[in-house]
Amino acid sequence: MRALIVIAAVADLALGALLVAVSGFVLQGVNDTGPMMPEAIFYVLMILWCLAAPVVAWLARDGYSAQTRLGIVVSPLAMAAALLLVSPG
């Protein structure tokens, strides 16, 4: 189970890095002077959760079971997969 958690944590960090790398393309219309789009807020929250989920699972290693920690780590990947199935606009 520990190996799955580590692999999912690496995948989370890779997804977070990918989201940061393409954020300029996705958020090109959002700047400091314009209104904040709800999609931009969700995008930033997704980046934060991708980077925070492995840390949260690591901090919860004593209080939660391995299945719960795996669920925490896999949740950003599951959200990303679900968002890929939703058609835009």
C-alpha atoms as a PDB file:
ATOM      1  CA  MET A   1       0.000   0.000   0.000  1.00  0.00           C
ATOM      2  CA  ARG A   2       2.877   2.338   0.772  1.00  0.00           C
ATOM      3  CA  ALA A   3       4.190   1.981  -2.785  1.00  0.00           C
ATOM      4  CA  LEU A   4       0.802   3.006  -4.214  1.00  0.00           C
ATOM      5  CA  ILE A   5       0.714   6.057  -1.968  1.00  0.00           C
ATOM      6  CA  VAL A   6       4.208   7.077  -3.064  1.00  0.00           C
ATOM      7  CA  ILE A   7       3.397   6.564  -6.764  1.00  0.00           C
ATOM      8  CA  ALA A   8       0.161   8.559  -6.428  1.00  0.00           C
ATOM      9  CA  ALA A   9       2.012  11.319  -4.543  1.00  0.00           C
ATOM     10  CA  VAL A  10       4.568  11.586  -7.352  1.00  0.00           C
ATOM     11  CA  ALA A  11       1.708  11.688  -9.880  1.00  0.00           C
ATOM     12  CA  ASP A  12       0.041  14.474  -7.842  1.00  0.00           C
ATOM     13  CA  LEU A  13       3.214  16.527  -7.832  1.00  0.00           C
ATOM     14  CA  ALA A  14       3.635  15.955 -11.574  1.00  0.00           C
ATOM     15  CA  LEU A  15       0.036  17.041 -12.193  1.00  0.00           C
ATOM     16  CA  GLY A  16       0.586  20.130 -10.055  1.00  0.00           C
ATOM     17  CA  ALA A  17       3.736  20.976 -12.016  1.00  0.00           C
ATOM     18  CA  LEU A  18       1.850  20.506 -15.289  1.00  0.00           C
ATOM     19  CA  LEU A  19      -0.966  22.786 -14.111  1.00  0.00           C
ATOM     20  CA  VAL A  20       1.542  25.458 -13.109  1.00  0.00           C
ATOM     21  CA  ALA A  21       3.359  25.099 -16.440  1.00  0.00           C
ATOM     22  CA  VAL A  22       0.215  25.617 -18.537  1.00  0.00           C
ATOM     23  CA  SER A  23      -1.427  28.191 -16.259  1.00  0.00           C
ATOM     24  CA  GLY A  24      -0.381  31.040 -18.528  1.00  0.00           C
ATOM     25  CA  PHE A  25      -2.339  29.521 -21.402  1.00  0.00           C
ATOM     26  CA  VAL A  26      -5.396  28.740 -19.330  1.00  0.00           C
ATOM     27  CA  LEU A  27      -5.542  31.955 -17.287  1.00  0.00           C
ATOM     28  CA  GLN A  28      -4.463  34.367 -20.020  1.00  0.00           C
ATOM     29  CA  GLY A  29      -7.550  36.560 -19.596  1.00  0.00           C
ATOM     30  CA  VAL A  30      -7.195  36.922 -15.830  1.00  0.00           C
ATOM     31  CA  ASN A  31      -5.002  39.723 -14.603  1.00  0.00           C
ATOM     32  CA  ASP A  32      -4.743  42.003 -11.582  1.00  0.00           C
ATOM     33  CA  THR A  33      -7.154  44.588 -12.952  1.00  0.00           C
ATOM     34  CA  GLY A  34      -9.908  42.395 -14.371  1.00  0.00           C
ATOM     35  CA  PRO A  35     -12.621  40.409 -12.621  1.00  0.00           C
ATOM     36  CA  MET A  36     -11.703  37.044 -11.197  1.00  0.00           C
ATOM     37  CA  MET A  37     -13.387  34.193 -13.050  1.00  0.00           C
ATOM     38  CA  PRO A  38     -14.791  31.284 -11.013  1.00  0.00           C
ATOM     39  CA  GLU A  39     -12.875  28.930 -13.289  1.00  0.00           C
ATOM     40  CA  ALA A  40      -9.633  30.668 -12.377  1.00  0.00           C
ATOM     41  CA  ILE A  41     -10.376  30.277  -8.688  1.00  0.00           C
ATOM     42  CA  PHE A  42     -11.073  26.568  -9.193  1.00  0.00           C
ATOM     43  CA  TYR A  43      -7.877  26.236 -11.247  1.00  0.00           C
ATOM     44  CA  VAL A  44      -5.761  27.761  -8.492  1.00  0.00           C
ATOM     45  CA  LEU A  45      -7.474  25.619  -5.852  1.00  0.00           C
ATOM     46  CA  MET A  46      -6.776  22.519  -7.959  1.00  0.00           C
ATOM     47  CA  ILE A  47      -3.092  23.447  -8.164  1.00  0.00           C
ATOM     48  CA  LEU A  48      -2.981  23.938  -4.398  1.00  0.00           C
ATOM     49  CA  TRP A  49      -4.732  20.627  -3.734  1.00  0.00           C
ATOM     50  CA  CYS A  50      -2.377  18.769  -6.103  1.00  0.00           C
ATOM     51  CA  LEU A  51       0.577  20.104  -4.149  1.00  0.00           C
ATOM     52  CA  ALA A  52      -1.029  19.760  -0.699  1.00  0.00           C
ATOM     53  CA  ALA A  53      -2.592  16.269  -0.947  1.00  0.00           C
ATOM     54  CA  PRO A  54       0.699  14.360  -0.537  1.00  0.00           C
ATOM     55  CA  VAL A  55       1.617  16.547   2.432  1.00  0.00           C
ATOM     56  CA  VAL A  56      -1.797  16.030   4.044  1.00  0.00           C
ATOM     57  CA  ALA A  57      -1.542  12.270   3.554  1.00  0.00           C
ATOM     58  CA  TRP A  58       1.958  12.246   5.025  1.00  0.00           C
ATOM     59  CA  LEU A  59       0.851  14.257   8.071  1.00  0.00           C
ATOM     60  CA  ALA A  60      -2.104  11.871   8.556  1.00  0.00           C
ATOM     61  CA  ARG A  61       0.072   8.746   8.554  1.00  0.00           C
ATOM     62  CA  ASP A  62      -0.440   8.091  12.269  1.00  0.00           C
ATOM     63  CA  GLY A  63      -4.116   8.976  12.567  1.00  0.00           C
ATOM     64  CA  TYR A  64      -5.634   7.407   9.453  1.00  0.00           C
ATOM     65  CA  SER A  65      -5.532   4.043   7.741  1.00  0.00           C
ATOM     66  CA  ALA A  66      -3.563   3.408   4.574  1.00  0.00           C
ATOM     67  CA  GLN A  67      -6.766   3.272   2.517  1.00  0.00           C
ATOM     68  CA  THR A  68      -7.811   6.738   3.727  1.00  0.00           C
ATOM     69  CA  ARG A  69      -4.387   8.178   2.978  1.00  0.00           C
ATOM     70  CA  LEU A  70      -4.486   6.606  -0.490  1.00  0.00           C
ATOM     71  CA  GLY A  71      -7.904   8.195  -1.035  1.00  0.00           C
ATOM     72  CA  ILE A  72      -6.515  11.581  -0.054  1.00  0.00           C
ATOM     73  CA  VAL A  73      -3.570  11.251  -2.413  1.00  0.00           C
ATOM     74  CA  VAL A  74      -5.629   9.920  -5.326  1.00  0.00           C
ATOM     75  CA  SER A  75      -8.381  12.565  -5.018  1.00  0.00           C
ATOM     76  CA  PRO A  76      -6.644  15.211  -7.225  1.00  0.00           C
ATOM     77  CA  LEU A  77      -6.056  12.580  -9.904  1.00  0.00           C
ATOM     78  CA  ALA A  78      -9.689  11.478  -9.700  1.00  0.00           C
ATOM     79  CA  MET A  79     -10.885  15.086  -9.988  1.00  0.00           C
ATOM     80  CA  ALA A  80      -8.638  15.635 -12.999  1.00  0.00           C
ATOM     81  CA  ALA A  81      -9.969  12.467 -14.656  1.00  0.00           C
ATOM     82  CA  ALA A  82     -13.557  13.534 -13.973  1.00  0.00           C
ATOM     83  CA  LEU A  83     -12.908  16.985 -15.417  1.00  0.00           C
ATOM     84  CA  LEU A  84     -11.515  15.436 -18.571  1.00  0.00           C
ATOM     85  CA  LEU A  85     -14.874  13.712 -19.088  1.00  0.00           C
ATOM     86  CA  VAL A  86     -16.853  16.960 -18.816  1.00  0.00           C
ATOM     87  CA  SER A  87     -17.206  18.877 -22.069  1.00  0.00           C
ATOM     88  CA  PRO A  88     -16.254  22.560 -21.873  1.00  0.00           C
ATOM     89  CA  GLY A  89     -18.915  25.196 -21.978  1.00  0.00           C
END
